[in-house]
PDB file of N, CA and C in Angstrom:
ATOM      1  N   PHE A   1       9.738  -0.038 -36.895  1.00  0.00           N
ATOM      2  CA  PHE A   1      10.914  -0.350 -36.256  1.00  0.00           C
ATOM      3  C   PHE A   1      11.271   0.592 -35.153  1.00  0.00           C
ATOM      4  N   TYR A   2      11.233   1.951 -35.397  1.00  0.00           N
ATOM      5  CA  TYR A   2      11.640   2.885 -34.522  1.00  0.00           C
ATOM      6  C   TYR A   2      10.374   3.185 -33.805  1.00  0.00           C
ATOM      7  N   SER A   3       9.144   3.054 -34.092  1.00  0.00           N
ATOM      8  CA  SER A   3       7.945   3.108 -33.082  1.00  0.00           C
ATOM      9  C   SER A   3       7.981   2.103 -31.949  1.00  0.00           C
ATOM     10  N   ILE A   4       8.524   0.784 -32.417  1.00  0.00           N
ATOM     11  CA  ILE A   4       8.727  -0.228 -31.249  1.00  0.00           C
ATOM     12  C   ILE A   4       9.527   0.171 -30.266  1.00  0.00           C
ATOM     13  N   GLU A   5      10.859   0.808 -30.727  1.00  0.00           N
ATOM     14  CA  GLU A   5      11.787   1.353 -29.917  1.00  0.00           C
ATOM     15  C   GLU A   5      11.243   2.702 -29.077  1.00  0.00           C
ATOM     16  N   PHE A   6      10.536   3.207 -29.623  1.00  0.00           N
ATOM     17  CA  PHE A   6      10.131   4.625 -28.972  1.00  0.00           C
ATOM     18  C   PHE A   6       9.121   3.979 -27.857  1.00  0.00           C
ATOM     19  N   LEU A   7       8.135   3.380 -28.048  1.00  0.00           N
ATOM     20  CA  LEU A   7       7.190   2.896 -27.336  1.00  0.00           C
ATOM     21  C   LEU A   7       7.857   1.947 -26.207  1.00  0.00           C
ATOM     22  N   ALA A   8       9.023   1.257 -26.288  1.00  0.00           N
ATOM     23  CA  ALA A   8       9.696   0.552 -25.249  1.00  0.00           C
ATOM     24  C   ALA A   8      10.441   1.551 -24.502  1.00  0.00           C
ATOM     25  N   THR A   9      11.085   2.389 -25.003  1.00  0.00           N
ATOM     26  CA  THR A   9      11.462   3.564 -24.271  1.00  0.00           C
ATOM     27  C   THR A   9      10.611   4.289 -23.397  1.00  0.00           C
ATOM     28  N   VAL A  10       9.451   4.750 -23.785  1.00  0.00           N
ATOM     29  CA  VAL A  10       8.296   5.272 -22.772  1.00  0.00           C
ATOM     30  C   VAL A  10       7.945   4.414 -21.929  1.00  0.00           C
ATOM     31  N   LEU A  11       7.588   3.247 -22.322  1.00  0.00           N
ATOM     32  CA  LEU A  11       7.128   2.143 -21.126  1.00  0.00           C
ATOM     33  C   LEU A  11       8.263   2.010 -19.953  1.00  0.00           C
ATOM     34  N   VAL A  12       9.670   1.943 -20.497  1.00  0.00           N
ATOM     35  CA  VAL A  12      10.751   1.790 -19.469  1.00  0.00           C
ATOM     36  C   VAL A  12      10.712   3.079 -18.516  1.00  0.00           C
ATOM     37  N   ILE A  13      10.813   4.064 -19.197  1.00  0.00           N
ATOM     38  CA  ILE A  13      10.636   5.415 -18.295  1.00  0.00           C
ATOM     39  C   ILE A  13       9.447   5.661 -17.424  1.00  0.00           C
ATOM     40  N   SER A  14       8.270   5.125 -17.639  1.00  0.00           N
ATOM     41  CA  SER A  14       7.268   5.308 -17.203  1.00  0.00           C
ATOM     42  C   SER A  14       7.203   4.079 -16.141  1.00  0.00           C
ATOM     43  N   PHE A  15       7.817   3.082 -16.239  1.00  0.00           N
ATOM     44  CA  PHE A  15       7.955   2.079 -15.100  1.00  0.00           C
ATOM     45  C   PHE A  15       8.967   2.679 -13.976  1.00  0.00           C
ATOM     46  N   LEU A  16      10.118   3.591 -14.529  1.00  0.00           N
ATOM     47  CA  LEU A  16      10.804   3.908 -13.650  1.00  0.00           C
ATOM     48  C   LEU A  16      10.490   5.092 -12.663  1.00  0.00           C
ATOM     49  N   ILE A  17       9.545   5.883 -13.330  1.00  0.00           N
ATOM     50  CA  ILE A  17       8.892   7.060 -12.533  1.00  0.00           C
ATOM     51  C   ILE A  17       7.860   6.348 -11.633  1.00  0.00           C
ATOM     52  N   PHE A  18       6.955   5.306 -12.078  1.00  0.00           N
ATOM     53  CA  PHE A  18       6.188   4.781 -11.004  1.00  0.00           C
ATOM     54  C   PHE A  18       6.897   4.489  -9.865  1.00  0.00           C
ATOM     55  N   PHE A  19       8.064   3.791  -9.905  1.00  0.00           N
ATOM     56  CA  PHE A  19       8.860   3.342  -8.744  1.00  0.00           C
ATOM     57  C   PHE A  19       9.387   4.503  -7.857  1.00  0.00           C
ATOM     58  N   HIS A  20       9.709   5.517  -8.757  1.00  0.00           N
ATOM     59  CA  HIS A  20      10.334   6.756  -8.049  1.00  0.00           C
ATOM     60  C   HIS A  20       8.952   7.319  -7.080  1.00  0.00           C
ATOM     61  N   GLU A  21       8.094   7.713  -7.925  1.00  0.00           N
ATOM     62  CA  GLU A  21       6.988   8.216  -7.118  1.00  0.00           C
ATOM     63  C   GLU A  21       6.360   7.114  -6.057  1.00  0.00           C
ATOM     64  N   LEU A  22       6.256   6.039  -6.238  1.00  0.00           N
ATOM     65  CA  LEU A  22       6.134   4.930  -5.416  1.00  0.00           C
ATOM     66  C   LEU A  22       6.807   5.251  -3.991  1.00  0.00           C
ATOM     67  N   GLY A  23       7.949   5.413  -4.064  1.00  0.00           N
ATOM     68  CA  GLY A  23       8.960   5.818  -3.028  1.00  0.00           C
ATOM     69  C   GLY A  23       8.240   6.930  -2.128  1.00  0.00           C
ATOM     70  N   HIS A  24       8.102   8.025  -2.945  1.00  0.00           N
ATOM     71  CA  HIS A  24       7.483   9.231  -2.291  1.00  0.00           C
ATOM     72  C   HIS A  24       6.307   8.850  -1.555  1.00  0.00           C
ATOM     73  N   PHE A  25       5.170   8.225  -2.192  1.00  0.00           N
ATOM     74  CA  PHE A  25       4.125   7.716  -1.763  1.00  0.00           C
ATOM     75  C   PHE A  25       4.144   6.986  -0.185  1.00  0.00           C
ATOM     76  N   LEU A  26       5.397   5.930  -0.303  1.00  0.00           N
ATOM     77  CA  LEU A  26       5.246   5.056   0.816  1.00  0.00           C
ATOM     78  C   LEU A  26       6.014   5.695   1.970  1.00  0.00           C
ATOM     79  N   ALA A  27       6.868   6.625   1.714  1.00  0.00           N
ATOM     80  CA  ALA A  27       7.251   7.429   2.777  1.00  0.00           C
ATOM     81  C   ALA A  27       6.621   8.475   3.430  1.00  0.00           C
ATOM     82  N   ALA A  28       5.608   8.977   2.576  1.00  0.00           N
ATOM     83  CA  ALA A  28       4.654   9.863   3.285  1.00  0.00           C
ATOM     84  C   ALA A  28       3.744   9.105   4.176  1.00  0.00           C
ATOM     85  N   ARG A  29       3.203   7.733   3.538  1.00  0.00           N
ATOM     86  CA  ARG A  29       2.214   7.192   4.407  1.00  0.00           C
ATOM     87  C   ARG A  29       3.028   6.551   5.501  1.00  0.00           C
ATOM     88  N   SER A  30       4.107   6.161   5.405  1.00  0.00           N
ATOM     89  CA  SER A  30       4.845   5.778   6.780  1.00  0.00           C
ATOM     90  C   SER A  30       4.886   6.634   7.843  1.00  0.00           C
ATOM     91  N   LEU A  31       5.135   7.958   7.412  1.00  0.00           N
ATOM     92  CA  LEU A  31       5.283   9.038   8.613  1.00  0.00           C
ATOM     93  C   LEU A  31       4.042   9.610   8.505  1.00  0.00           C
ATOM     94  N   GLY A  32       2.680   9.144   8.323  1.00  0.00           N
ATOM     95  CA  GLY A  32       1.394   9.611   8.677  1.00  0.00           C
ATOM     96  C   GLY A  32       0.980  10.741   7.840  1.00  0.00           C
ATOM     97  N   VAL A  33       1.615  11.139   6.749  1.00  0.00           N
ATOM     98  CA  VAL A  33       1.166  12.143   5.892  1.00  0.00           C
ATOM     99  C   VAL A  33       0.175  11.726   4.980  1.00  0.00           C
ATOM    100  N   LYS A  34      -0.894  12.283   4.823  1.00  0.00           N
ATOM    101  CA  LYS A  34      -1.952  11.801   3.873  1.00  0.00           C
ATOM    102  C   LYS A  34      -1.653  12.356   2.538  1.00  0.00           C
ATOM    103  N   VAL A  35      -1.786  11.189   1.369  1.00  0.00           N
ATOM    104  CA  VAL A  35      -1.446  11.390   0.221  1.00  0.00           C
ATOM    105  C   VAL A  35      -2.866  11.915  -0.516  1.00  0.00           C
ATOM    106  N   GLU A  36      -2.922  12.998  -1.106  1.00  0.00           N
ATOM    107  CA  GLU A  36      -4.132  13.280  -1.850  1.00  0.00           C
ATOM    108  C   GLU A  36      -4.126  12.830  -3.311  1.00  0.00           C
ATOM    109  N   VAL A  37      -2.926  12.725  -3.946  1.00  0.00           N
ATOM    110  CA  VAL A  37      -2.705  12.321  -5.660  1.00  0.00           C
ATOM    111  C   VAL A  37      -1.585  11.586  -5.535  1.00  0.00           C
ATOM    112  N   PHE A  38      -1.559  10.526  -6.226  1.00  0.00           N
ATOM    113  CA  PHE A  38      -0.685   9.795  -6.732  1.00  0.00           C
ATOM    114  C   PHE A  38      -0.991   9.699  -8.163  1.00  0.00           C
ATOM    115  N   SER A  39       0.007  10.468  -9.271  1.00  0.00           N
ATOM    116  CA  SER A  39      -0.263  10.547 -10.501  1.00  0.00           C
ATOM    117  C   SER A  39       0.928  10.150 -11.459  1.00  0.00           C
ATOM    118  N   ILE A  40       0.625   9.271 -12.122  1.00  0.00           N
ATOM    119  CA  ILE A  40       1.656   8.848 -13.274  1.00  0.00           C
ATOM    120  C   ILE A  40       1.384   9.684 -14.691  1.00  0.00           C
ATOM    121  N   GLY A  41       2.261  10.551 -15.026  1.00  0.00           N
ATOM    122  CA  GLY A  41       2.116  11.483 -16.122  1.00  0.00           C
ATOM    123  C   GLY A  41       1.384  12.796 -15.760  1.00  0.00           C
ATOM    124  N   PHE A  42       1.404  13.626 -16.900  1.00  0.00           N
ATOM    125  CA  PHE A  42       1.024  15.004 -16.584  1.00  0.00           C
ATOM    126  C   PHE A  42      -0.038  15.419 -17.632  1.00  0.00           C
ATOM    127  N   GLY A  43      -0.913  16.412 -17.426  1.00  0.00           N
ATOM    128  CA  GLY A  43      -1.935  16.544 -18.409  1.00  0.00           C
ATOM    129  C   GLY A  43      -3.356  16.231 -17.965  1.00  0.00           C
ATOM    130  N   LYS A  44      -4.031  15.845 -18.918  1.00  0.00           N
ATOM    131  CA  LYS A  44      -5.539  15.435 -18.767  1.00  0.00           C
ATOM    132  C   LYS A  44      -5.449  14.113 -18.382  1.00  0.00           C
ATOM    133  N   SER A  45      -6.468  13.720 -17.309  1.00  0.00           N
ATOM    134  CA  SER A  45      -6.405  12.375 -16.702  1.00  0.00           C
ATOM    135  C   SER A  45      -6.990  11.373 -17.765  1.00  0.00           C
ATOM    136  N   LEU A  46      -6.421  10.159 -17.938  1.00  0.00           N
ATOM    137  CA  LEU A  46      -7.084   9.337 -18.831  1.00  0.00           C
ATOM    138  C   LEU A  46      -7.715   8.333 -17.778  1.00  0.00           C
ATOM    139  N   ILE A  47      -7.026   7.929 -16.633  1.00  0.00           N
ATOM    140  CA  ILE A  47      -7.883   6.946 -15.802  1.00  0.00           C
ATOM    141  C   ILE A  47      -7.798   7.663 -14.502  1.00  0.00           C
ATOM    142  N   GLU A  48      -8.635   7.751 -13.706  1.00  0.00           N
ATOM    143  CA  GLU A  48      -8.837   8.260 -12.317  1.00  0.00           C
ATOM    144  C   GLU A  48      -9.648   7.374 -11.574  1.00  0.00           C
ATOM    145  N   ARG A  49      -9.143   7.049 -10.365  1.00  0.00           N
ATOM    146  CA  ARG A  49      -9.776   6.271  -9.389  1.00  0.00           C
ATOM    147  C   ARG A  49      -9.326   6.654  -7.986  1.00  0.00           C
ATOM    148  N   GLU A  50     -10.423   6.674  -6.981  1.00  0.00           N
ATOM    149  CA  GLU A  50     -10.129   7.123  -5.735  1.00  0.00           C
ATOM    150  C   GLU A  50     -10.194   5.868  -4.754  1.00  0.00           C
ATOM    151  N   PHE A  51      -9.122   5.831  -4.031  1.00  0.00           N
ATOM    152  CA  PHE A  51      -9.159   4.667  -3.027  1.00  0.00           C
ATOM    153  C   PHE A  51      -8.680   4.930  -1.778  1.00  0.00           C
ATOM    154  N   LYS A  52      -9.465   4.853  -0.552  1.00  0.00           N
ATOM    155  CA  LYS A  52      -8.830   5.104   0.669  1.00  0.00           C
ATOM    156  C   LYS A  52      -8.388   6.588   0.818  1.00  0.00           C
ATOM    157  N   GLY A  53      -9.184   7.509   0.091  1.00  0.00           N
ATOM    158  CA  GLY A  53      -8.702   8.988   0.286  1.00  0.00           C
ATOM    159  C   GLY A  53      -7.434   9.443  -0.595  1.00  0.00           C
ATOM    160  N   THR A  54      -7.083   8.864  -1.561  1.00  0.00           N
ATOM    161  CA  THR A  54      -6.236   9.104  -2.283  1.00  0.00           C
ATOM    162  C   THR A  54      -6.583   8.917  -3.739  1.00  0.00           C
ATOM    163  N   ASN A  55      -6.317   9.981  -4.562  1.00  0.00           N
ATOM    164  CA  ASN A  55      -7.100   9.713  -5.809  1.00  0.00           C
ATOM    165  C   ASN A  55      -5.611   9.245  -6.835  1.00  0.00           C
ATOM    166  N   TYR A  56      -5.830   8.188  -7.665  1.00  0.00           N
ATOM    167  CA  TYR A  56      -4.672   7.690  -8.479  1.00  0.00           C
ATOM    168  C   TYR A  56      -5.250   7.943  -9.755  1.00  0.00           C
ATOM    169  N   ARG A  57      -4.124   8.175 -10.694  1.00  0.00           N
ATOM    170  CA  ARG A  57      -4.292   8.921 -11.905  1.00  0.00           C
ATOM    171  C   ARG A  57      -3.184   8.352 -12.793  1.00  0.00           C
ATOM    172  N   LEU A  58      -3.630   8.153 -14.107  1.00  0.00           N
ATOM    173  CA  LEU A  58      -3.030   7.935 -15.084  1.00  0.00           C
ATOM    174  C   LEU A  58      -3.319   8.966 -16.248  1.00  0.00           C
ATOM    175  N   SER A  59      -2.189   9.770 -16.612  1.00  0.00           N
ATOM    176  CA  SER A  59      -2.325  11.091 -17.487  1.00  0.00           C
ATOM    177  C   SER A  59      -1.766  10.872 -18.661  1.00  0.00           C
ATOM    178  N   THR A  60      -2.231  11.777 -19.587  1.00  0.00           N
ATOM    179  CA  THR A  60      -1.743  11.739 -20.946  1.00  0.00           C
ATOM    180  C   THR A  60      -0.135  11.790 -21.216  1.00  0.00           C
ATOM    181  N   LEU A  61       0.582  12.430 -20.659  1.00  0.00           N
ATOM    182  CA  LEU A  61       1.961  12.542 -20.915  1.00  0.00           C
ATOM    183  C   LEU A  61       2.750  11.682 -19.787  1.00  0.00           C
ATOM    184  N   PRO A  62       3.137  10.430 -20.296  1.00  0.00           N
ATOM    185  CA  PRO A  62       3.671   9.709 -19.030  1.00  0.00           C
ATOM    186  C   PRO A  62       5.268   9.729 -18.819  1.00  0.00           C
ATOM    187  N   LEU A  63       5.676  11.116 -19.413  1.00  0.00           N
ATOM    188  CA  LEU A  63       7.003  11.259 -19.121  1.00  0.00           C
ATOM    189  C   LEU A  63       7.337  12.028 -17.530  1.00  0.00           C
ATOM    190  N   GLY A  64       6.570  11.808 -16.534  1.00  0.00           N
ATOM    191  CA  GLY A  64       6.481  12.445 -15.318  1.00  0.00           C
ATOM    192  C   GLY A  64       5.412  11.752 -14.254  1.00  0.00           C
ATOM    193  N   GLY A  65       5.624  12.547 -13.252  1.00  0.00           N
ATOM    194  CA  GLY A  65       4.617  11.978 -12.417  1.00  0.00           C
ATOM    195  C   GLY A  65       4.802  12.788 -11.066  1.00  0.00           C
ATOM    196  N   TYR A  66       3.634  12.719 -10.170  1.00  0.00           N
ATOM    197  CA  TYR A  66       3.941  13.231  -8.798  1.00  0.00           C
ATOM    198  C   TYR A  66       2.953  12.739  -7.861  1.00  0.00           C
ATOM    199  N   VAL A  67       3.296  13.006  -6.474  1.00  0.00           N
ATOM    200  CA  VAL A  67       2.561  12.679  -5.496  1.00  0.00           C
ATOM    201  C   VAL A  67       2.270  13.964  -4.788  1.00  0.00           C
ATOM    202  N   LYS A  68       1.100  14.158  -4.323  1.00  0.00           N
ATOM    203  CA  LYS A  68       0.371  15.634  -3.974  1.00  0.00           C
ATOM    204  C   LYS A  68       0.039  15.224  -2.249  1.00  0.00           C
ATOM    205  N   LEU A  69       0.941  15.870  -1.424  1.00  0.00           N
ATOM    206  CA  LEU A  69       0.522  15.427  -0.264  1.00  0.00           C
ATOM    207  C   LEU A  69      -0.420  16.701   0.558  1.00  0.00           C
ATOM    208  N   LYS A  70      -1.176  16.176   1.415  1.00  0.00           N
ATOM    209  CA  LYS A  70      -1.942  17.127   2.302  1.00  0.00           C
ATOM    210  C   LYS A  70      -1.250  18.276   2.943  1.00  0.00           C
ATOM    211  N   GLY A  71      -1.643  19.454   2.470  1.00  0.00           N
ATOM    212  CA  GLY A  71      -1.175  20.666   3.185  1.00  0.00           C
ATOM    213  C   GLY A  71       0.084  21.296   2.246  1.00  0.00           C
ATOM    214  N   GLN A  72       0.402  20.596   1.154  1.00  0.00           N
ATOM    215  CA  GLN A  72       1.388  20.860   0.248  1.00  0.00           C
ATOM    216  C   GLN A  72       0.992  22.244  -0.603  1.00  0.00           C
ATOM    217  N   ASP A  73      -0.180  22.647  -0.528  1.00  0.00           N
ATOM    218  CA  ASP A  73      -0.361  23.951  -1.177  1.00  0.00           C
ATOM    219  C   ASP A  73      -0.368  24.960  -0.353  1.00  0.00           C
ATOM    220  N   ASP A  74      -0.295  24.743   0.919  1.00  0.00           N
ATOM    221  CA  ASP A  74      -0.246  25.997   1.968  1.00  0.00           C
ATOM    222  C   ASP A  74       1.267  26.367   2.100  1.00  0.00           C
ATOM    223  N   MET A  75       2.307  25.639   1.641  1.00  0.00           N
ATOM    224  CA  MET A  75       3.537  26.027   1.765  1.00  0.00           C
ATOM    225  C   MET A  75       4.247  26.859   0.855  1.00  0.00           C
ATOM    226  N   ARG A  76       4.788  27.797   1.233  1.00  0.00           N
ATOM    227  CA  ARG A  76       5.771  28.789   0.162  1.00  0.00           C
ATOM    228  C   ARG A  76       7.030  28.170   0.033  1.00  0.00           C
ATOM    229  N   PRO A  77       7.678  28.652  -1.073  1.00  0.00           N
ATOM    230  CA  PRO A  77       9.011  28.030  -1.333  1.00  0.00           C
ATOM    231  C   PRO A  77       9.870  28.867  -0.356  1.00  0.00           C
ATOM    232  N   GLY A  78      10.892  28.089   0.091  1.00  0.00           N
ATOM    233  CA  GLY A  78      12.031  28.749   0.684  1.00  0.00           C
ATOM    234  C   GLY A  78      12.185  28.001   2.107  1.00  0.00           C
ATOM    235  N   PHE A  79      12.901  28.558   2.774  1.00  0.00           N
ATOM    236  CA  PHE A  79      13.333  27.850   4.154  1.00  0.00           C
ATOM    237  C   PHE A  79      12.526  28.143   5.362  1.00  0.00           C
ATOM    238  N   GLU A  80      11.555  29.328   5.208  1.00  0.00           N
ATOM    239  CA  GLU A  80      10.781  29.775   6.265  1.00  0.00           C
ATOM    240  C   GLU A  80       9.753  28.678   6.663  1.00  0.00           C
ATOM    241  N   ASN A  81       9.553  27.663   5.905  1.00  0.00           N
ATOM    242  CA  ASN A  81       8.949  26.438   6.078  1.00  0.00           C
ATOM    243  C   ASN A  81       9.311  25.593   7.228  1.00  0.00           C
ATOM    244  N   LEU A  82      10.632  25.843   7.302  1.00  0.00           N
ATOM    245  CA  LEU A  82      11.439  24.682   8.252  1.00  0.00           C
ATOM    246  C   LEU A  82      11.328  24.933   9.760  1.00  0.00           C
ATOM    247  N   ASP A  83      11.208  24.223  10.612  1.00  0.00           N
ATOM    248  CA  ASP A  83      11.074  24.340  11.929  1.00  0.00           C
ATOM    249  C   ASP A  83      12.527  25.200  12.567  1.00  0.00           C
ATOM    250  N   LYS A  84      12.542  26.170  13.430  1.00  0.00           N
ATOM    251  CA  LYS A  84      13.456  26.708  13.870  1.00  0.00           C
ATOM    252  C   LYS A  84      14.207  26.282  15.100  1.00  0.00           C
ATOM    253  N   ASP A  85      13.619  25.053  15.479  1.00  0.00           N
ATOM    254  CA  ASP A  85      14.228  24.518  16.661  1.00  0.00           C
ATOM    255  C   ASP A  85      15.644  23.615  16.526  1.00  0.00           C
TER     256      ASP A  85
END
């Protein structure tokens, strides 16, 4: 009984994470920013496919996700990345 509730909870949270990350993905694409990775979950990739320059992943720990934008690795944390204008 508890395993069904746990599975349902993980599925609902994964569903919410998917739509949250989809918002980041669509905002970036609409502003012309290249999306390198769209991932649901963290850890080792279970399923990985590339389509139109974006790597889509489903990873082992489904309680998170991320969207990696082009050039994101080049940024240092802090306000020095903001335009001064």
